[in-house]
Every structure is written in C-alpha cells, then in structure tokens.
Amino acid sequence: MDQINDFNLVTLVDTNGEVTGYAEKIEAHLRGDLHLAFSLMITRSQGNSTEYLLQQRAMHKYHSGGLWANTCCSHPLPNESIKDAAQRRISEELGITSLLNLSTIGQIRYKYPLDNDMIEHELDNIVTTDVDDIKWCKNPDEVMDVRWWKEHEIVKQLKREPSVFAAWFPMVFDYIKKNNVGALSSV
C-alpha cells in the first residue's frame, strides 16, 4: 500500500477480527463498516485512588467534537501494530513522545450512531499504561482540553450527565475499571 494514502485508511475486519480489507476513514464511518481501532487510557495512582487522563475532542473533529473521551483513541494504519499506533497517536494528539509501557488488556466491539451522519462501528483494542505523572502539549487540531479525572468523578458524571462523553467512552471506561490490573479502585 502507498504509505502516503495509508493515513486516510482504516482496516476493515469481520466479527472474528480477521482483516477483510481497507476503506477510506470517512466512508467507513458513514457506512458503519466494522473496523479496527484502539482506545488508550493513561492512569495514575493517587493515594488509594485512580485518576484517568481524559481528553476533550476538538470541536471541529469529524465526529464527537467537544465530547470527553479516553486519553487517545484512533485507528492503526494498515500493517501497523496496535501499540505502535497508540504511541504514534499519543504523540500527534498530546505531544507525549516518551516511550510508554503499553499493555493491551482486551477488545470490545460496539456500534453507535454519531453526529454528522457517522456510525462508530469498531473492534476496539483497549490499551492502558500507568504513570506516576506525565507532561503533555495538546494539539489544538485534535484536542480542546486535557485533564486528570478521579474515578469517582467519572462515575458521578456518567450517572448525572453522560452526554458530555463520547458514545464509546462508558463501555471503554467500564472495561478498563474491571480489567486493568495495574490500576487501583477508588470507588
């Protein structure tokens, strides 16, 4: 594949995760094609609680602008590993260039209707890393805001006003809470 054009492609998969081809990213989201994705969550332990580094998506993103989501979420390029894709995108979105100790803790599949007539239909690889602290420099083309959220703050906000989060976030957050061995529970 042509590396220049690969940046606009997503990897299409079947329900077993087998690659079936590639499609242009916007077209795949308009049609609702099942494709590979990843959701990266950076966590840190603060005393006996866990904090999650969340980003607020830039308003002009092709979908879900202005909504809070996990630290970074995107799609691997054709033939790019999930961990390499996560490391690449965290640098592009948040300016985090230090090599992170990433763990892929599982996969989830979802299909959500979104704004702009888009459909998010993903086989989402859940990637986590726990840090003591980390510096970032948000890319305004990608991100409006970034901040640490305490686990109980997220739980409270999901109950009170879930519409401030991207459609996939509750499922990703719940999966991480239940399966991230490195994080402590604060609820």
N, C-alpha and C. Protein backbone atom coordinates (compact mmCIF):
# COMPACT_ATOMS: atom_id res chain seq x y z
N MET A 1 0.84 -1.19 0.00
CA MET A 1 0.00 0.00 0.00
C MET A 1 0.88 1.24 0.00
N ASP A 2 0.36 2.29 -0.55
CA ASP A 2 1.06 3.57 -0.62
C ASP A 2 1.02 4.23 0.76
N GLN A 3 2.19 4.43 1.37
CA GLN A 3 2.27 4.98 2.73
C GLN A 3 1.57 6.34 2.84
N ILE A 4 1.64 7.16 1.81
CA ILE A 4 1.01 8.49 1.87
C ILE A 4 -0.50 8.36 2.03
N ASN A 5 -1.11 7.43 1.30
CA ASN A 5 -2.55 7.27 1.37
C ASN A 5 -3.01 6.46 2.57
N ASP A 6 -2.11 5.70 3.19
CA ASP A 6 -2.46 4.87 4.34
C ASP A 6 -3.03 5.68 5.49
N PHE A 7 -2.66 6.95 5.62
CA PHE A 7 -3.11 7.77 6.74
C PHE A 7 -4.62 8.03 6.71
N ASN A 8 -5.26 7.82 5.57
CA ASN A 8 -6.70 8.02 5.45
C ASN A 8 -7.47 6.72 5.46
N LEU A 9 -6.79 5.60 5.70
CA LEU A 9 -7.43 4.30 5.63
C LEU A 9 -7.66 3.71 7.02
N VAL A 10 -8.74 2.94 7.14
CA VAL A 10 -8.96 2.11 8.31
C VAL A 10 -8.95 0.66 7.85
N THR A 11 -8.62 -0.23 8.77
CA THR A 11 -8.57 -1.65 8.48
C THR A 11 -9.92 -2.27 8.78
N LEU A 12 -10.58 -2.80 7.75
CA LEU A 12 -11.87 -3.46 7.92
C LEU A 12 -11.65 -4.88 8.43
N VAL A 13 -12.52 -5.31 9.32
CA VAL A 13 -12.42 -6.65 9.89
C VAL A 13 -13.79 -7.30 9.93
N ASP A 14 -13.78 -8.64 10.06
CA ASP A 14 -15.04 -9.35 10.30
C ASP A 14 -15.25 -9.46 11.81
N THR A 15 -16.31 -10.11 12.23
CA THR A 15 -16.63 -10.17 13.66
C THR A 15 -15.61 -10.98 14.46
N ASN A 16 -14.76 -11.76 13.77
CA ASN A 16 -13.69 -12.51 14.44
C ASN A 16 -12.38 -11.73 14.47
N GLY A 17 -12.39 -10.52 13.91
CA GLY A 17 -11.18 -9.70 13.90
C GLY A 17 -10.25 -9.97 12.74
N GLU A 18 -10.70 -10.79 11.78
CA GLU A 18 -9.88 -11.08 10.60
C GLU A 18 -9.98 -9.92 9.62
N VAL A 19 -8.85 -9.49 9.10
CA VAL A 19 -8.81 -8.38 8.15
C VAL A 19 -9.53 -8.78 6.86
N THR A 20 -10.46 -7.91 6.43
CA THR A 20 -11.19 -8.15 5.18
C THR A 20 -10.85 -7.13 4.10
N GLY A 21 -10.11 -6.09 4.47
CA GLY A 21 -9.73 -5.07 3.50
C GLY A 21 -9.48 -3.74 4.19
N TYR A 22 -9.52 -2.69 3.38
CA TYR A 22 -9.26 -1.33 3.87
C TYR A 22 -10.28 -0.40 3.24
N ALA A 23 -10.59 0.68 3.94
CA ALA A 23 -11.52 1.67 3.41
C ALA A 23 -11.08 3.06 3.85
N GLU A 24 -11.47 4.03 3.08
CA GLU A 24 -11.21 5.41 3.46
C GLU A 24 -11.96 5.69 4.76
N LYS A 25 -11.30 6.38 5.69
CA LYS A 25 -11.81 6.54 7.05
C LYS A 25 -13.21 7.16 7.11
N ILE A 26 -13.44 8.24 6.42
CA ILE A 26 -14.75 8.91 6.48
C ILE A 26 -15.83 8.02 5.88
N GLU A 27 -15.52 7.39 4.74
CA GLU A 27 -16.51 6.50 4.10
C GLU A 27 -16.87 5.34 5.03
N ALA A 28 -15.88 4.75 5.69
CA ALA A 28 -16.15 3.64 6.61
C ALA A 28 -17.07 4.09 7.74
N HIS A 29 -16.89 5.32 8.21
CA HIS A 29 -17.74 5.84 9.30
C HIS A 29 -19.13 6.23 8.80
N LEU A 30 -19.25 6.62 7.56
CA LEU A 30 -20.57 6.93 7.00
C LEU A 30 -21.37 5.64 6.76
N ARG A 31 -20.69 4.59 6.32
CA ARG A 31 -21.37 3.32 6.05
C ARG A 31 -21.55 2.47 7.31
N GLY A 32 -20.75 2.74 8.33
CA GLY A 32 -20.81 1.92 9.54
C GLY A 32 -20.04 0.62 9.42
N ASP A 33 -18.98 0.61 8.61
CA ASP A 33 -18.16 -0.59 8.44
C ASP A 33 -17.44 -0.94 9.76
N LEU A 34 -17.40 -2.22 10.08
CA LEU A 34 -16.64 -2.68 11.24
C LEU A 34 -15.15 -2.56 10.92
N HIS A 35 -14.42 -1.85 11.80
CA HIS A 35 -13.01 -1.61 11.55
C HIS A 35 -12.21 -1.64 12.85
N LEU A 36 -10.90 -1.81 12.72
CA LEU A 36 -10.01 -1.84 13.88
C LEU A 36 -9.82 -0.45 14.46
N ALA A 37 -9.72 -0.41 15.78
CA ALA A 37 -9.46 0.83 16.49
C ALA A 37 -8.71 0.50 17.77
N PHE A 38 -8.29 1.53 18.46
CA PHE A 38 -7.74 1.35 19.80
C PHE A 38 -8.21 2.50 20.67
N SER A 39 -8.32 2.24 21.94
CA SER A 39 -8.59 3.25 22.96
C SER A 39 -7.50 3.14 24.00
N LEU A 40 -6.69 4.19 24.10
CA LEU A 40 -5.61 4.25 25.07
C LEU A 40 -6.07 5.04 26.28
N MET A 41 -5.82 4.49 27.46
CA MET A 41 -6.13 5.19 28.71
C MET A 41 -4.87 5.24 29.56
N ILE A 42 -4.44 6.44 29.87
CA ILE A 42 -3.33 6.63 30.81
C ILE A 42 -3.93 6.85 32.18
N THR A 43 -3.44 6.09 33.15
CA THR A 43 -3.92 6.20 34.53
C THR A 43 -2.74 6.50 35.44
N ARG A 44 -3.08 6.99 36.64
CA ARG A 44 -2.07 7.13 37.68
C ARG A 44 -2.73 6.89 39.02
N SER A 45 -1.95 6.38 39.95
CA SER A 45 -2.43 6.15 41.30
C SER A 45 -2.16 7.38 42.14
N GLN A 46 -3.18 7.83 42.84
CA GLN A 46 -3.06 8.98 43.74
C GLN A 46 -3.57 8.53 45.11
N GLY A 47 -2.63 8.17 45.99
CA GLY A 47 -3.04 7.62 47.28
C GLY A 47 -3.72 6.28 47.04
N ASN A 48 -4.96 6.16 47.51
CA ASN A 48 -5.70 4.91 47.31
C ASN A 48 -6.72 5.02 46.18
N SER A 49 -6.54 5.99 45.29
CA SER A 49 -7.48 6.15 44.18
C SER A 49 -6.76 6.16 42.84
N THR A 50 -7.52 6.01 41.79
CA THR A 50 -7.00 6.03 40.43
C THR A 50 -7.53 7.26 39.72
N GLU A 51 -6.66 7.90 38.96
CA GLU A 51 -7.05 9.01 38.11
C GLU A 51 -6.83 8.62 36.66
N TYR A 52 -7.69 9.14 35.80
CA TYR A 52 -7.68 8.83 34.37
C TYR A 52 -7.43 10.12 33.60
N LEU A 53 -6.48 10.09 32.69
CA LEU A 53 -6.20 11.25 31.86
C LEU A 53 -7.16 11.23 30.67
N LEU A 54 -8.09 12.18 30.65
CA LEU A 54 -9.09 12.26 29.58
C LEU A 54 -8.82 13.47 28.70
N GLN A 55 -9.25 13.36 27.46
CA GLN A 55 -9.17 14.50 26.54
C GLN A 55 -10.57 14.90 26.09
N GLN A 56 -10.72 16.19 25.86
CA GLN A 56 -11.94 16.71 25.26
C GLN A 56 -11.63 16.93 23.78
N ARG A 57 -12.35 16.24 22.93
CA ARG A 57 -12.09 16.29 21.50
C ARG A 57 -12.32 17.69 20.93
N ALA A 58 -11.48 18.08 19.99
CA ALA A 58 -11.62 19.38 19.34
C ALA A 58 -13.01 19.49 18.71
N MET A 59 -13.58 20.68 18.73
CA MET A 59 -14.94 20.91 18.21
C MET A 59 -15.08 20.55 16.74
N HIS A 60 -14.02 20.74 15.97
CA HIS A 60 -14.11 20.53 14.53
C HIS A 60 -13.75 19.11 14.08
N LYS A 61 -13.61 18.16 15.02
CA LYS A 61 -13.34 16.77 14.64
C LYS A 61 -14.50 16.26 13.77
N TYR A 62 -14.25 15.26 12.96
CA TYR A 62 -15.27 14.78 12.02
C TYR A 62 -16.46 14.13 12.72
N HIS A 63 -16.31 13.78 14.00
CA HIS A 63 -17.45 13.38 14.82
C HIS A 63 -17.09 13.56 16.30
N SER A 64 -18.11 13.70 17.12
CA SER A 64 -17.97 13.76 18.58
C SER A 64 -17.14 14.94 19.08
N GLY A 65 -17.14 16.04 18.32
CA GLY A 65 -16.41 17.23 18.73
C GLY A 65 -16.94 17.78 20.05
N GLY A 66 -16.02 18.20 20.92
CA GLY A 66 -16.37 18.80 22.20
C GLY A 66 -16.68 17.80 23.30
N LEU A 67 -16.68 16.51 22.99
CA LEU A 67 -17.00 15.50 23.99
C LEU A 67 -15.73 14.96 24.65
N TRP A 68 -15.86 14.55 25.90
CA TRP A 68 -14.76 13.95 26.63
C TRP A 68 -14.63 12.49 26.24
N ALA A 69 -13.39 12.03 26.13
CA ALA A 69 -13.11 10.63 25.78
C ALA A 69 -11.84 10.19 26.51
N ASN A 70 -11.48 8.94 26.29
CA ASN A 70 -10.26 8.42 26.90
C ASN A 70 -9.05 9.22 26.41
N THR A 71 -7.88 8.93 26.95
CA THR A 71 -6.69 9.72 26.66
C THR A 71 -6.44 9.89 25.18
N CYS A 72 -6.61 8.83 24.43
CA CYS A 72 -6.37 8.85 23.00
C CYS A 72 -7.11 7.69 22.36
N CYS A 73 -7.76 7.92 21.24
CA CYS A 73 -8.40 6.83 20.50
C CYS A 73 -8.25 7.12 19.02
N SER A 74 -8.00 6.07 18.28
CA SER A 74 -7.79 6.25 16.85
C SER A 74 -7.79 4.88 16.17
N HIS A 75 -7.14 4.82 15.01
CA HIS A 75 -7.10 3.62 14.19
C HIS A 75 -5.66 3.32 13.82
N PRO A 76 -5.28 2.05 13.82
CA PRO A 76 -3.94 1.72 13.32
C PRO A 76 -3.90 1.89 11.81
N LEU A 77 -2.76 2.27 11.30
CA LEU A 77 -2.56 2.31 9.86
C LEU A 77 -2.50 0.87 9.35
N PRO A 78 -2.72 0.64 8.06
CA PRO A 78 -2.57 -0.71 7.54
C PRO A 78 -1.20 -1.28 7.91
N ASN A 79 -1.20 -2.48 8.45
CA ASN A 79 0.02 -3.19 8.85
C ASN A 79 0.77 -2.55 10.02
N GLU A 80 0.13 -1.67 10.78
CA GLU A 80 0.74 -1.07 11.97
C GLU A 80 0.19 -1.79 13.20
N SER A 81 1.05 -2.10 14.15
CA SER A 81 0.58 -2.76 15.37
C SER A 81 -0.25 -1.78 16.21
N ILE A 82 -1.09 -2.34 17.06
CA ILE A 82 -1.92 -1.50 17.94
C ILE A 82 -1.05 -0.64 18.85
N LYS A 83 -0.03 -1.23 19.45
CA LYS A 83 0.84 -0.45 20.36
C LYS A 83 1.59 0.64 19.62
N ASP A 84 2.08 0.35 18.42
CA ASP A 84 2.76 1.39 17.63
C ASP A 84 1.80 2.51 17.27
N ALA A 85 0.57 2.14 16.92
CA ALA A 85 -0.44 3.15 16.57
C ALA A 85 -0.76 4.03 17.79
N ALA A 86 -0.89 3.41 18.95
CA ALA A 86 -1.19 4.17 20.17
C ALA A 86 -0.05 5.13 20.50
N GLN A 87 1.18 4.66 20.38
CA GLN A 87 2.34 5.52 20.66
C GLN A 87 2.41 6.66 19.65
N ARG A 88 2.13 6.38 18.38
CA ARG A 88 2.15 7.41 17.34
C ARG A 88 1.09 8.47 17.60
N ARG A 89 -0.16 8.03 17.87
CA ARG A 89 -1.25 8.98 18.03
C ARG A 89 -1.17 9.79 19.33
N ILE A 90 -0.63 9.21 20.40
CA ILE A 90 -0.50 9.98 21.65
C ILE A 90 0.52 11.10 21.44
N SER A 91 1.49 10.87 20.58
CA SER A 91 2.44 11.93 20.23
C SER A 91 1.77 13.00 19.37
N GLU A 92 0.99 12.57 18.37
CA GLU A 92 0.33 13.51 17.47
C GLU A 92 -0.75 14.33 18.17
N GLU A 93 -1.49 13.72 19.09
CA GLU A 93 -2.61 14.41 19.74
C GLU A 93 -2.19 15.19 20.98
N LEU A 94 -1.33 14.60 21.81
CA LEU A 94 -0.99 15.21 23.10
C LEU A 94 0.49 15.55 23.24
N GLY A 95 1.27 15.35 22.20
CA GLY A 95 2.69 15.69 22.26
C GLY A 95 3.48 14.84 23.24
N ILE A 96 2.96 13.68 23.61
CA ILE A 96 3.66 12.78 24.53
C ILE A 96 4.58 11.90 23.69
N THR A 97 5.89 12.19 23.76
CA THR A 97 6.84 11.47 22.92
C THR A 97 7.65 10.44 23.69
N SER A 98 7.56 10.44 25.02
CA SER A 98 8.29 9.42 25.78
C SER A 98 7.68 8.05 25.49
N LEU A 99 8.54 7.04 25.44
CA LEU A 99 8.08 5.68 25.17
C LEU A 99 7.28 5.19 26.37
N LEU A 100 6.03 4.83 26.14
CA LEU A 100 5.14 4.38 27.20
C LEU A 100 5.15 2.86 27.31
N ASN A 101 4.98 2.36 28.51
CA ASN A 101 4.90 0.92 28.75
C ASN A 101 3.43 0.51 28.57
N LEU A 102 3.05 0.24 27.33
CA LEU A 102 1.66 -0.01 26.97
C LEU A 102 1.28 -1.48 27.13
N SER A 103 0.08 -1.71 27.64
CA SER A 103 -0.48 -3.06 27.75
C SER A 103 -1.82 -3.10 27.03
N THR A 104 -2.00 -4.07 26.15
CA THR A 104 -3.31 -4.30 25.53
C THR A 104 -4.04 -5.29 26.44
N ILE A 105 -5.17 -4.84 27.01
CA ILE A 105 -5.85 -5.67 28.01
C ILE A 105 -7.10 -6.36 27.47
N GLY A 106 -7.42 -6.16 26.21
CA GLY A 106 -8.58 -6.84 25.62
C GLY A 106 -9.16 -6.07 24.46
N GLN A 107 -10.30 -6.56 23.98
CA GLN A 107 -11.03 -5.94 22.88
C GLN A 107 -12.51 -5.87 23.22
N ILE A 108 -13.15 -4.82 22.72
CA ILE A 108 -14.60 -4.71 22.80
C ILE A 108 -15.11 -4.34 21.41
N ARG A 109 -16.36 -4.66 21.15
CA ARG A 109 -16.97 -4.29 19.87
C ARG A 109 -18.23 -3.50 20.15
N TYR A 110 -18.42 -2.43 19.40
CA TYR A 110 -19.61 -1.60 19.57
C TYR A 110 -19.99 -0.96 18.25
N LYS A 111 -21.24 -0.50 18.23
CA LYS A 111 -21.76 0.22 17.07
C LYS A 111 -22.68 1.31 17.60
N TYR A 112 -22.30 2.58 17.36
CA TYR A 112 -23.06 3.72 17.85
C TYR A 112 -23.32 4.71 16.73
N PRO A 113 -24.55 5.20 16.62
CA PRO A 113 -24.79 6.32 15.71
C PRO A 113 -24.20 7.59 16.33
N LEU A 114 -23.58 8.41 15.49
CA LEU A 114 -22.94 9.64 15.96
C LEU A 114 -23.48 10.84 15.21
N ASP A 115 -22.97 12.00 15.55
CA ASP A 115 -23.31 13.22 14.83
C ASP A 115 -22.73 13.15 13.41
N ASN A 116 -23.10 14.10 12.59
CA ASN A 116 -22.62 14.20 11.21
C ASN A 116 -22.89 12.94 10.38
N ASP A 117 -23.98 12.23 10.72
CA ASP A 117 -24.38 11.01 10.00
C ASP A 117 -23.32 9.91 10.02
N MET A 118 -22.48 9.94 11.03
CA MET A 118 -21.42 8.93 11.17
C MET A 118 -21.91 7.78 12.04
N ILE A 119 -21.29 6.63 11.85
CA ILE A 119 -21.55 5.44 12.67
C ILE A 119 -20.20 4.92 13.14
N GLU A 120 -20.04 4.81 14.43
CA GLU A 120 -18.80 4.27 15.00
C GLU A 120 -19.01 2.79 15.25
N HIS A 121 -18.45 1.96 14.38
CA HIS A 121 -18.58 0.51 14.46
C HIS A 121 -17.16 -0.06 14.52
N GLU A 122 -16.72 -0.36 15.73
CA GLU A 122 -15.31 -0.68 15.92
C GLU A 122 -15.09 -1.96 16.70
N LEU A 123 -14.01 -2.64 16.33
CA LEU A 123 -13.40 -3.66 17.15
C LEU A 123 -12.25 -2.92 17.82
N ASP A 124 -12.49 -2.53 19.06
CA ASP A 124 -11.64 -1.58 19.78
C ASP A 124 -10.69 -2.33 20.72
N ASN A 125 -9.40 -2.17 20.49
CA ASN A 125 -8.37 -2.74 21.34
C ASN A 125 -8.13 -1.78 22.51
N ILE A 126 -8.28 -2.27 23.72
CA ILE A 126 -8.14 -1.43 24.91
C ILE A 126 -6.69 -1.49 25.37
N VAL A 127 -6.06 -0.32 25.39
CA VAL A 127 -4.65 -0.19 25.73
C VAL A 127 -4.53 0.71 26.95
N THR A 128 -3.71 0.30 27.91
CA THR A 128 -3.54 1.10 29.13
C THR A 128 -2.07 1.24 29.47
N THR A 129 -1.79 2.24 30.25
CA THR A 129 -0.48 2.41 30.88
C THR A 129 -0.69 3.21 32.15
N ASP A 130 0.06 2.87 33.16
CA ASP A 130 0.01 3.58 34.43
C ASP A 130 1.30 4.38 34.57
N VAL A 131 1.19 5.65 34.93
CA VAL A 131 2.35 6.53 35.06
C VAL A 131 2.32 7.18 36.44
N ASP A 132 3.46 7.68 36.85
CA ASP A 132 3.50 8.49 38.07
C ASP A 132 2.99 9.90 37.74
N ASP A 133 3.46 10.42 36.64
CA ASP A 133 2.99 11.70 36.12
C ASP A 133 3.49 11.79 34.68
N ILE A 134 2.93 12.70 33.92
CA ILE A 134 3.30 12.82 32.51
C ILE A 134 3.01 14.24 32.06
N LYS A 135 3.84 14.75 31.20
CA LYS A 135 3.64 16.08 30.63
C LYS A 135 3.05 15.93 29.24
N TRP A 136 2.17 16.85 28.88
CA TRP A 136 1.58 16.83 27.55
C TRP A 136 1.52 18.24 27.00
N CYS A 137 1.37 18.32 25.69
CA CYS A 137 1.18 19.59 24.98
C CYS A 137 0.14 19.30 23.90
N LYS A 138 -1.11 19.68 24.19
CA LYS A 138 -2.21 19.28 23.31
C LYS A 138 -2.12 19.94 21.94
N ASN A 139 -2.48 19.17 20.94
CA ASN A 139 -2.55 19.64 19.57
C ASN A 139 -3.96 20.21 19.37
N PRO A 140 -4.12 21.53 19.16
CA PRO A 140 -5.46 22.11 19.06
C PRO A 140 -6.26 21.61 17.86
N ASP A 141 -5.62 21.00 16.89
CA ASP A 141 -6.34 20.40 15.77
C ASP A 141 -7.06 19.12 16.20
N GLU A 142 -6.64 18.55 17.32
CA GLU A 142 -7.18 17.28 17.80
C GLU A 142 -7.94 17.40 19.13
N VAL A 143 -7.46 18.29 20.01
CA VAL A 143 -7.87 18.27 21.41
C VAL A 143 -8.18 19.69 21.91
N MET A 144 -9.33 19.83 22.61
CA MET A 144 -9.69 21.11 23.26
C MET A 144 -9.09 21.23 24.65
N ASP A 145 -9.15 20.14 25.41
CA ASP A 145 -8.73 20.19 26.80
C ASP A 145 -8.24 18.80 27.21
N VAL A 146 -7.42 18.78 28.23
CA VAL A 146 -6.90 17.54 28.80
C VAL A 146 -6.85 17.73 30.30
N ARG A 147 -7.31 16.72 31.04
CA ARG A 147 -7.17 16.81 32.50
C ARG A 147 -7.31 15.45 33.15
N TRP A 148 -6.77 15.35 34.36
CA TRP A 148 -6.93 14.15 35.17
C TRP A 148 -8.31 14.16 35.81
N TRP A 149 -9.00 13.04 35.73
CA TRP A 149 -10.30 12.85 36.38
C TRP A 149 -10.14 11.73 37.41
N LYS A 150 -10.62 11.95 38.60
CA LYS A 150 -10.69 10.88 39.59
C LYS A 150 -11.77 9.89 39.15
N GLU A 151 -11.55 8.61 39.47
CA GLU A 151 -12.51 7.59 39.05
C GLU A 151 -13.92 7.91 39.52
N HIS A 152 -14.07 8.33 40.77
CA HIS A 152 -15.42 8.62 41.28
C HIS A 152 -16.05 9.83 40.58
N GLU A 153 -15.24 10.77 40.08
CA GLU A 153 -15.77 11.91 39.31
C GLU A 153 -16.37 11.43 37.99
N ILE A 154 -15.69 10.50 37.34
CA ILE A 154 -16.19 9.96 36.07
C ILE A 154 -17.49 9.20 36.31
N VAL A 155 -17.50 8.34 37.34
CA VAL A 155 -18.70 7.57 37.66
C VAL A 155 -19.88 8.51 37.92
N LYS A 156 -19.65 9.54 38.70
CA LYS A 156 -20.70 10.51 39.03
C LYS A 156 -21.19 11.24 37.76
N GLN A 157 -20.26 11.66 36.92
CA GLN A 157 -20.63 12.39 35.70
C GLN A 157 -21.37 11.48 34.72
N LEU A 158 -20.98 10.22 34.64
CA LEU A 158 -21.68 9.28 33.76
C LEU A 158 -23.12 9.07 34.20
N LYS A 159 -23.37 9.13 35.50
CA LYS A 159 -24.74 8.99 36.00
C LYS A 159 -25.53 10.27 35.82
N ARG A 160 -24.88 11.41 36.06
CA ARG A 160 -25.56 12.70 36.06
C ARG A 160 -25.75 13.27 34.65
N GLU A 161 -24.69 13.23 33.85
CA GLU A 161 -24.75 13.84 32.51
C GLU A 161 -23.84 13.07 31.54
N PRO A 162 -24.27 11.89 31.14
CA PRO A 162 -23.42 11.06 30.27
C PRO A 162 -23.18 11.68 28.89
N SER A 163 -24.01 12.63 28.50
CA SER A 163 -23.89 13.23 27.16
C SER A 163 -22.62 14.07 26.99
N VAL A 164 -21.86 14.32 28.06
CA VAL A 164 -20.60 15.06 27.90
C VAL A 164 -19.47 14.15 27.42
N PHE A 165 -19.74 12.84 27.39
CA PHE A 165 -18.74 11.87 26.96
C PHE A 165 -19.06 11.34 25.57
N ALA A 166 -18.02 10.93 24.85
CA ALA A 166 -18.20 10.27 23.55
C ALA A 166 -18.99 8.98 23.75
N ALA A 167 -19.70 8.55 22.73
CA ALA A 167 -20.60 7.40 22.83
C ALA A 167 -19.90 6.14 23.33
N TRP A 168 -18.68 5.91 22.90
CA TRP A 168 -17.96 4.68 23.25
C TRP A 168 -17.33 4.74 24.64
N PHE A 169 -17.20 5.94 25.20
CA PHE A 169 -16.45 6.08 26.45
C PHE A 169 -16.98 5.26 27.62
N PRO A 170 -18.28 5.24 27.89
CA PRO A 170 -18.74 4.44 29.03
C PRO A 170 -18.33 2.97 28.95
N MET A 171 -18.40 2.39 27.76
CA MET A 171 -18.04 0.99 27.59
C MET A 171 -16.52 0.79 27.78
N VAL A 172 -15.73 1.70 27.24
CA VAL A 172 -14.27 1.63 27.39
C VAL A 172 -13.90 1.79 28.87
N PHE A 173 -14.47 2.79 29.52
CA PHE A 173 -14.17 3.05 30.94
C PHE A 173 -14.55 1.86 31.80
N ASP A 174 -15.73 1.31 31.57
CA ASP A 174 -16.18 0.16 32.35
C ASP A 174 -15.24 -1.04 32.15
N TYR A 175 -14.82 -1.27 30.93
CA TYR A 175 -13.91 -2.37 30.65
C TYR A 175 -12.58 -2.18 31.37
N ILE A 176 -12.06 -0.97 31.32
CA ILE A 176 -10.78 -0.68 31.98
C ILE A 176 -10.90 -0.83 33.49
N LYS A 177 -11.98 -0.31 34.07
CA LYS A 177 -12.18 -0.45 35.52
C LYS A 177 -12.18 -1.91 35.95
N LYS A 178 -12.78 -2.76 35.15
CA LYS A 178 -12.92 -4.18 35.52
C LYS A 178 -11.69 -5.01 35.19
N ASN A 179 -10.86 -4.55 34.24
CA ASN A 179 -9.80 -5.41 33.72
C ASN A 179 -8.38 -4.85 33.82
N ASN A 180 -8.21 -3.62 34.26
CA ASN A 180 -6.88 -3.04 34.33
C ASN A 180 -6.24 -3.41 35.66
N VAL A 181 -5.39 -4.40 35.63
CA VAL A 181 -4.77 -4.94 36.85
C VAL A 181 -3.90 -3.90 37.53
N GLY A 182 -3.29 -2.99 36.77
CA GLY A 182 -2.37 -2.03 37.35
C GLY A 182 -3.02 -0.88 38.07
N ALA A 183 -4.30 -0.67 37.87
CA ALA A 183 -4.97 0.49 38.47
C ALA A 183 -5.66 0.09 39.76
N LEU A 184 -5.70 1.00 40.70
CA LEU A 184 -6.40 0.79 41.96
C LEU A 184 -7.81 1.33 41.84
N SER A 185 -8.72 0.74 42.52
CA SER A 185 -10.10 1.24 42.51
C SER A 185 -10.29 2.25 43.60
N SER A 186 -11.00 3.33 43.28
CA SER A 186 -11.25 4.38 44.27
C SER A 186 -12.71 4.52 44.60
N VAL A 187 -13.56 3.66 44.05
CA VAL A 187 -15.00 3.80 44.28
C VAL A 187 -15.38 3.07 45.55
